[in-house]
Amino acid sequence: MSNQHLILGGARSGKSSYAENLVLQQVAKTGQQAIYIAIAEAGDAEMLRRIDLHKSQRNTHAWKLVEETLMLGRCLQAYNNDQIVLLDCLTLWVCRIMICVRRKWEFETNFLLI
């Protein structure tokens, strides 16, 4: 049986740290492997700084890091209930999907209107 948590909060409110602590507590109890799926992409200097801050605050030895910016479904299929998976951040993933869909729509409609 899977145990799922959805952590919500405002920007820079501590969601990632809270979720990481929950996972590490579970790892300490069960010995399961912790998988960290990082969705963020450093598109500018501010985002690069935020990603670096997250990395520095995280005990990298406790996690298997997976960086996946778009193909989340395929990525999640690689894991099972013997592992604990943390996705950070679904909001960025949804925004990226919306941007990709919009670009595809614009491309297709422009192609049709030529």
Foldseek 3Di string as FASTA:
>chain_A
DADDDDFDDDPPPCSVVVVLVVQVVVCVVQVFAEEEEEQDDPPDPVSVVVVVVSVVVDPVVRYDYHYDNEPVVVVVVVDDRSHHYDYPDVVSHVVVVVVVVVVVVVVVVVVVVD
